[in-house]
């Protein structure tokens, strides 16, 4: 029979030095603290680069109450870079109205869905109209508020392949009409 103990661990293996373990723990804490401080500094610096358009407008207009389900859509007419567009020009054809902002990442991603809708539903069955009236452009900063303009809309249309009318509604006619 063997005189080996039942515990197969090598009792003569070197044990970790407690001072070394403490040093590793201290360095890990220091590196972790540096990473957290770097993240906080980055977040503070990036906070100054956000687009203020996502905030409430400085003087929010008084809007009518929202429409109920089954309500008839209100009429609107918008003077834009493509001329005056009126909902009455759709002649009673059902329409999809998208209200968006050129700088909005969600709106930019949504164009893929809208292009797919346009590809599946012919214009004779449903018209599509997109309206932006953001008071701020994508290149705005809190220190330099730049209004959205027709160049922003044209760039958005060409970048995202928009083939239906896109209106720049600086007077917020559609927002007032739809509440």
C-alpha atoms as a PDB file:
ATOM      1  CA  UNK A   1       0.000   0.000   0.000  1.00  0.00           C
ATOM      2  CA  UNK A   2       0.987   3.547  -0.679  1.00  0.00           C
ATOM      3  CA  UNK A   3       1.711   5.887   2.177  1.00  0.00           C
ATOM      4  CA  UNK A   4       0.399   8.878   0.230  1.00  0.00           C
ATOM      5  CA  UNK A   5      -2.246  11.013   1.965  1.00  0.00           C
ATOM      6  CA  UNK A   6      -5.771  10.925   0.543  1.00  0.00           C
ATOM      7  CA  UNK A   7      -5.633  14.676  -0.187  1.00  0.00           C
ATOM      8  CA  UNK A   8      -3.832  14.822  -3.523  1.00  0.00           C
ATOM      9  CA  UNK A   9      -2.844  18.498  -3.221  1.00  0.00           C
ATOM     10  CA  UNK A  10       0.839  19.117  -3.034  1.00  0.00           C
ATOM     11  CA  UNK A  11       1.319  20.500   0.440  1.00  0.00           C
ATOM     12  CA  UNK A  12       4.817  21.589  -0.519  1.00  0.00           C
ATOM     13  CA  UNK A  13       3.652  23.896  -3.399  1.00  0.00           C
ATOM     14  CA  UNK A  14       4.636  27.542  -2.868  1.00  0.00           C
ATOM     15  CA  UNK A  15       1.801  29.654  -1.463  1.00  0.00           C
ATOM     16  CA  UNK A  16       1.132  33.134  -2.914  1.00  0.00           C
ATOM     17  CA  UNK A  17       2.998  35.853  -1.078  1.00  0.00           C
ATOM     18  CA  UNK A  18       0.448  37.970   0.886  1.00  0.00           C
ATOM     19  CA  UNK A  19       2.445  41.142   0.174  1.00  0.00           C
ATOM     20  CA  UNK A  20       2.344  40.411  -3.575  1.00  0.00           C
ATOM     21  CA  UNK A  21      -1.421  39.760  -3.453  1.00  0.00           C
ATOM     22  CA  UNK A  22      -1.911  43.058  -1.636  1.00  0.00           C
ATOM     23  CA  UNK A  23       0.195  44.909  -4.234  1.00  0.00           C
ATOM     24  CA  UNK A  24      -1.832  43.406  -7.090  1.00  0.00           C
ATOM     25  CA  UNK A  25      -5.078  44.414  -5.352  1.00  0.00           C
ATOM     26  CA  UNK A  26      -3.797  47.981  -4.835  1.00  0.00           C
ATOM     27  CA  UNK A  27      -2.732  48.296  -8.495  1.00  0.00           C
ATOM     28  CA  UNK A  28      -6.077  46.888  -9.687  1.00  0.00           C
ATOM     29  CA  UNK A  29      -7.882  49.474  -7.531  1.00  0.00           C
ATOM     30  CA  UNK A  30      -5.708  52.313  -8.868  1.00  0.00           C
ATOM     31  CA  UNK A  31      -6.272  51.263 -12.491  1.00  0.00           C
ATOM     32  CA  UNK A  32     -10.020  50.906 -11.865  1.00  0.00           C
ATOM     33  CA  UNK A  33     -10.159  54.397 -10.327  1.00  0.00           C
ATOM     34  CA  UNK A  34      -8.254  55.864 -13.296  1.00  0.00           C
ATOM     35  CA  UNK A  35     -10.705  54.242 -15.727  1.00  0.00           C
ATOM     36  CA  UNK A  36     -13.723  55.577 -13.797  1.00  0.00           C
ATOM     37  CA  UNK A  37     -12.227  59.095 -13.687  1.00  0.00           C
ATOM     38  CA  UNK A  38     -11.505  58.936 -17.439  1.00  0.00           C
ATOM     39  CA  UNK A  39     -15.120  57.905 -18.143  1.00  0.00           C
ATOM     40  CA  UNK A  40     -16.447  60.765 -16.003  1.00  0.00           C
ATOM     41  CA  UNK A  41     -14.179  63.305 -17.733  1.00  0.00           C
ATOM     42  CA  UNK A  42     -15.231  61.990 -21.162  1.00  0.00           C
ATOM     43  CA  UNK A  43     -18.934  62.185 -20.226  1.00  0.00           C
ATOM     44  CA  UNK A  44     -18.562  65.761 -18.960  1.00  0.00           C
ATOM     45  CA  UNK A  45     -16.709  66.859 -22.096  1.00  0.00           C
ATOM     46  CA  UNK A  46     -19.238  65.143 -24.390  1.00  0.00           C
ATOM     47  CA  UNK A  47     -22.118  66.705 -22.470  1.00  0.00           C
ATOM     48  CA  UNK A  48     -21.271  70.032 -24.099  1.00  0.00           C
ATOM     49  CA  UNK A  49     -21.646  68.529 -27.574  1.00  0.00           C
ATOM     50  CA  UNK A  50     -25.215  67.300 -27.327  1.00  0.00           C
ATOM     51  CA  UNK A  51     -27.800  68.684 -29.676  1.00  0.00           C
ATOM     52  CA  UNK A  52     -30.116  70.937 -27.710  1.00  0.00           C
ATOM     53  CA  UNK A  53     -33.029  70.174 -30.036  1.00  0.00           C
ATOM     54  CA  UNK A  54     -33.922  67.165 -27.941  1.00  0.00           C
ATOM     55  CA  UNK A  55     -34.807  69.509 -25.090  1.00  0.00           C
ATOM     56  CA  UNK A  56     -37.969  71.527 -24.751  1.00  0.00           C
ATOM     57  CA  UNK A  57     -38.126  74.532 -27.061  1.00  0.00           C
ATOM     58  CA  UNK A  58     -37.342  77.845 -25.312  1.00  0.00           C
ATOM     59  CA  UNK A  59     -40.906  79.124 -25.797  1.00  0.00           C
ATOM     60  CA  UNK A  60     -43.109  76.081 -26.301  1.00  0.00           C
ATOM     61  CA  UNK A  61     -46.186  76.964 -28.321  1.00  0.00           C
ATOM     62  CA  UNK A  62     -49.680  76.412 -26.993  1.00  0.00           C
ATOM     63  CA  UNK A  63     -50.906  73.339 -28.860  1.00  0.00           C
ATOM     64  CA  UNK A  64     -54.419  72.008 -29.329  1.00  0.00           C
ATOM     65  CA  UNK A  65     -55.348  68.760 -27.571  1.00  0.00           C
ATOM     66  CA  UNK A  66     -54.143  65.570 -29.293  1.00  0.00           C
ATOM     67  CA  UNK A  67     -56.415  63.922 -31.831  1.00  0.00           C
ATOM     68  CA  UNK A  68     -58.361  60.845 -30.811  1.00  0.00           C
ATOM     69  CA  UNK A  69     -58.344  57.511 -32.613  1.00  0.00           C
ATOM     70  CA  UNK A  70     -60.534  57.670 -35.695  1.00  0.00           C
ATOM     71  CA  UNK A  71     -60.363  61.473 -35.876  1.00  0.00           C
ATOM     72  CA  UNK A  72     -59.954  63.110 -39.249  1.00  0.00           C
ATOM     73  CA  UNK A  73     -56.451  64.473 -39.737  1.00  0.00           C
ATOM     74  CA  UNK A  74     -56.331  68.266 -39.731  1.00  0.00           C
ATOM     75  CA  UNK A  75     -55.505  70.130 -42.923  1.00  0.00           C
ATOM     76  CA  UNK A  76     -52.166  71.874 -43.184  1.00  0.00           C
ATOM     77  CA  UNK A  77     -50.154  73.884 -45.688  1.00  0.00           C
ATOM     78  CA  UNK A  78     -46.402  74.371 -45.323  1.00  0.00           C
ATOM     79  CA  UNK A  79     -44.170  76.784 -47.215  1.00  0.00           C
ATOM     80  CA  UNK A  80     -40.910  74.932 -47.674  1.00  0.00           C
ATOM     81  CA  UNK A  81     -37.845  74.747 -49.891  1.00  0.00           C
ATOM     82  CA  UNK A  82     -39.859  72.664 -52.365  1.00  0.00           C
ATOM     83  CA  UNK A  83     -42.648  75.252 -52.500  1.00  0.00           C
ATOM     84  CA  UNK A  84     -45.960  75.250 -50.686  1.00  0.00           C
ATOM     85  CA  UNK A  85     -47.279  71.799 -49.847  1.00  0.00           C
ATOM     86  CA  UNK A  86     -50.872  71.359 -48.762  1.00  0.00           C
ATOM     87  CA  UNK A  87     -52.473  68.234 -47.357  1.00  0.00           C
ATOM     88  CA  UNK A  88     -55.466  69.020 -49.581  1.00  0.00           C
ATOM     89  CA  UNK A  89     -53.209  68.372 -52.601  1.00  0.00           C
ATOM     90  CA  UNK A  90     -53.357  64.678 -51.665  1.00  0.00           C
ATOM     91  CA  UNK A  91     -56.991  64.630 -52.819  1.00  0.00           C
ATOM     92  CA  UNK A  92     -58.257  62.401 -50.012  1.00  0.00           C
ATOM     93  CA  UNK A  93     -55.566  59.744 -50.535  1.00  0.00           C
ATOM     94  CA  UNK A  94     -54.548  58.234 -47.183  1.00  0.00           C
ATOM     95  CA  UNK A  95     -51.113  59.408 -46.149  1.00  0.00           C
ATOM     96  CA  UNK A  96     -48.354  58.579 -43.729  1.00  0.00           C
ATOM     97  CA  UNK A  97     -47.060  61.696 -42.004  1.00  0.00           C
ATOM     98  CA  UNK A  98     -43.623  61.425 -40.424  1.00  0.00           C
ATOM     99  CA  UNK A  99     -42.542  64.194 -38.085  1.00  0.00           C
ATOM    100  CA  UNK A 100     -38.788  64.020 -37.545  1.00  0.00           C
ATOM    101  CA  UNK A 101     -35.548  65.937 -37.085  1.00  0.00           C
ATOM    102  CA  UNK A 102     -32.587  65.643 -39.438  1.00  0.00           C
ATOM    103  CA  UNK A 103     -30.152  65.259 -36.520  1.00  0.00           C
ATOM    104  CA  UNK A 104     -32.159  62.519 -34.734  1.00  0.00           C
ATOM    105  CA  UNK A 105     -30.394  59.093 -34.807  1.00  0.00           C
ATOM    106  CA  UNK A 106     -33.698  57.218 -34.408  1.00  0.00           C
ATOM    107  CA  UNK A 107     -35.196  59.204 -37.299  1.00  0.00           C
ATOM    108  CA  UNK A 108     -32.162  58.385 -39.429  1.00  0.00           C
ATOM    109  CA  UNK A 109     -32.571  54.653 -38.721  1.00  0.00           C
ATOM    110  CA  UNK A 110     -36.328  54.885 -39.347  1.00  0.00           C
ATOM    111  CA  UNK A 111     -35.744  55.882 -42.975  1.00  0.00           C
ATOM    112  CA  UNK A 112     -34.912  52.250 -43.791  1.00  0.00           C
ATOM    113  CA  UNK A 113     -38.362  51.182 -42.545  1.00  0.00           C
ATOM    114  CA  UNK A 114     -40.077  54.018 -44.394  1.00  0.00           C
ATOM    115  CA  UNK A 115     -38.280  53.147 -47.646  1.00  0.00           C
ATOM    116  CA  UNK A 116     -39.488  49.547 -47.227  1.00  0.00           C
ATOM    117  CA  UNK A 117     -43.060  50.807 -46.717  1.00  0.00           C
ATOM    118  CA  UNK A 118     -42.763  52.962 -49.831  1.00  0.00           C
ATOM    119  CA  UNK A 119     -41.495  49.950 -51.813  1.00  0.00           C
ATOM    120  CA  UNK A 120     -44.438  47.770 -50.710  1.00  0.00           C
ATOM    121  CA  UNK A 121     -47.295  50.288 -50.797  1.00  0.00           C
ATOM    122  CA  UNK A 122     -47.724  52.206 -54.055  1.00  0.00           C
ATOM    123  CA  UNK A 123     -48.168  55.966 -53.941  1.00  0.00           C
ATOM    124  CA  UNK A 124     -51.653  55.573 -55.440  1.00  0.00           C
ATOM    125  CA  UNK A 125     -52.704  53.704 -52.260  1.00  0.00           C
ATOM    126  CA  UNK A 126     -50.854  55.831 -49.692  1.00  0.00           C
ATOM    127  CA  UNK A 127     -48.924  59.073 -49.938  1.00  0.00           C
ATOM    128  CA  UNK A 128     -45.968  59.790 -47.675  1.00  0.00           C
ATOM    129  CA  UNK A 129     -44.867  63.163 -46.331  1.00  0.00           C
ATOM    130  CA  UNK A 130     -42.036  63.891 -43.892  1.00  0.00           C
ATOM    131  CA  UNK A 131     -41.933  67.138 -41.929  1.00  0.00           C
ATOM    132  CA  UNK A 132     -39.111  68.549 -39.847  1.00  0.00           C
ATOM    133  CA  UNK A 133     -39.368  71.712 -37.846  1.00  0.00           C
ATOM    134  CA  UNK A 134     -36.553  71.353 -35.383  1.00  0.00           C
ATOM    135  CA  UNK A 135     -35.337  74.720 -34.171  1.00  0.00           C
ATOM    136  CA  UNK A 136     -31.789  73.350 -34.116  1.00  0.00           C
ATOM    137  CA  UNK A 137     -29.522  71.780 -36.735  1.00  0.00           C
ATOM    138  CA  UNK A 138     -27.190  68.831 -36.227  1.00  0.00           C
ATOM    139  CA  UNK A 139     -24.168  71.115 -35.912  1.00  0.00           C
ATOM    140  CA  UNK A 140     -25.695  73.131 -33.048  1.00  0.00           C
ATOM    141  CA  UNK A 141     -24.002  73.358 -29.699  1.00  0.00           C
ATOM    142  CA  UNK A 142     -25.247  75.066 -26.528  1.00  0.00           C
ATOM    143  CA  UNK A 143     -22.898  77.957 -27.317  1.00  0.00           C
ATOM    144  CA  UNK A 144     -23.832  78.155 -31.002  1.00  0.00           C
ATOM    145  CA  UNK A 145     -27.484  77.399 -31.751  1.00  0.00           C
ATOM    146  CA  UNK A 146     -27.790  76.952 -35.496  1.00  0.00           C
ATOM    147  CA  UNK A 147     -31.309  76.655 -36.924  1.00  0.00           C
ATOM    148  CA  UNK A 148     -32.138  73.707 -39.153  1.00  0.00           C
ATOM    149  CA  UNK A 149     -32.305  74.828 -42.793  1.00  0.00           C
ATOM    150  CA  UNK A 150     -33.184  73.539 -46.259  1.00  0.00           C
ATOM    151  CA  UNK A 151     -29.590  72.395 -46.862  1.00  0.00           C
ATOM    152  CA  UNK A 152     -29.931  70.109 -43.814  1.00  0.00           C
ATOM    153  CA  UNK A 153     -33.158  68.667 -45.252  1.00  0.00           C
ATOM    154  CA  UNK A 154     -31.662  68.192 -48.731  1.00  0.00           C
ATOM    155  CA  UNK A 155     -28.591  66.498 -47.233  1.00  0.00           C
ATOM    156  CA  UNK A 156     -30.820  64.205 -45.137  1.00  0.00           C
ATOM    157  CA  UNK A 157     -32.882  63.248 -48.209  1.00  0.00           C
ATOM    158  CA  UNK A 158     -29.828  62.439 -50.324  1.00  0.00           C
ATOM    159  CA  UNK A 159     -27.999  60.619 -47.517  1.00  0.00           C
ATOM    160  CA  UNK A 160     -30.957  58.408 -46.582  1.00  0.00           C
ATOM    161  CA  UNK A 161     -32.545  57.950 -50.022  1.00  0.00           C
ATOM    162  CA  UNK A 162     -35.819  59.760 -49.343  1.00  0.00           C
ATOM    163  CA  UNK A 163     -38.027  59.864 -52.453  1.00  0.00           C
ATOM    164  CA  UNK A 164     -41.204  61.418 -50.998  1.00  0.00           C
ATOM    165  CA  UNK A 165     -41.730  65.092 -50.060  1.00  0.00           C
ATOM    166  CA  UNK A 166     -39.736  66.298 -47.065  1.00  0.00           C
ATOM    167  CA  UNK A 167     -40.856  69.653 -45.733  1.00  0.00           C
ATOM    168  CA  UNK A 168     -38.921  72.109 -43.585  1.00  0.00           C
ATOM    169  CA  UNK A 169     -41.650  73.566 -41.387  1.00  0.00           C
ATOM    170  CA  UNK A 170     -39.906  76.457 -39.626  1.00  0.00           C
ATOM    171  CA  UNK A 171     -43.257  77.905 -38.529  1.00  0.00           C
ATOM    172  CA  UNK A 172     -44.294  74.583 -36.923  1.00  0.00           C
ATOM    173  CA  UNK A 173     -47.588  74.598 -38.836  1.00  0.00           C
ATOM    174  CA  UNK A 174     -47.869  70.800 -38.678  1.00  0.00           C
ATOM    175  CA  UNK A 175     -47.008  70.677 -34.966  1.00  0.00           C
ATOM    176  CA  UNK A 176     -49.727  73.226 -34.260  1.00  0.00           C
ATOM    177  CA  UNK A 177     -52.246  71.373 -36.441  1.00  0.00           C
ATOM    178  CA  UNK A 178     -51.640  67.945 -34.912  1.00  0.00           C
ATOM    179  CA  UNK A 179     -50.957  69.017 -31.330  1.00  0.00           C
END
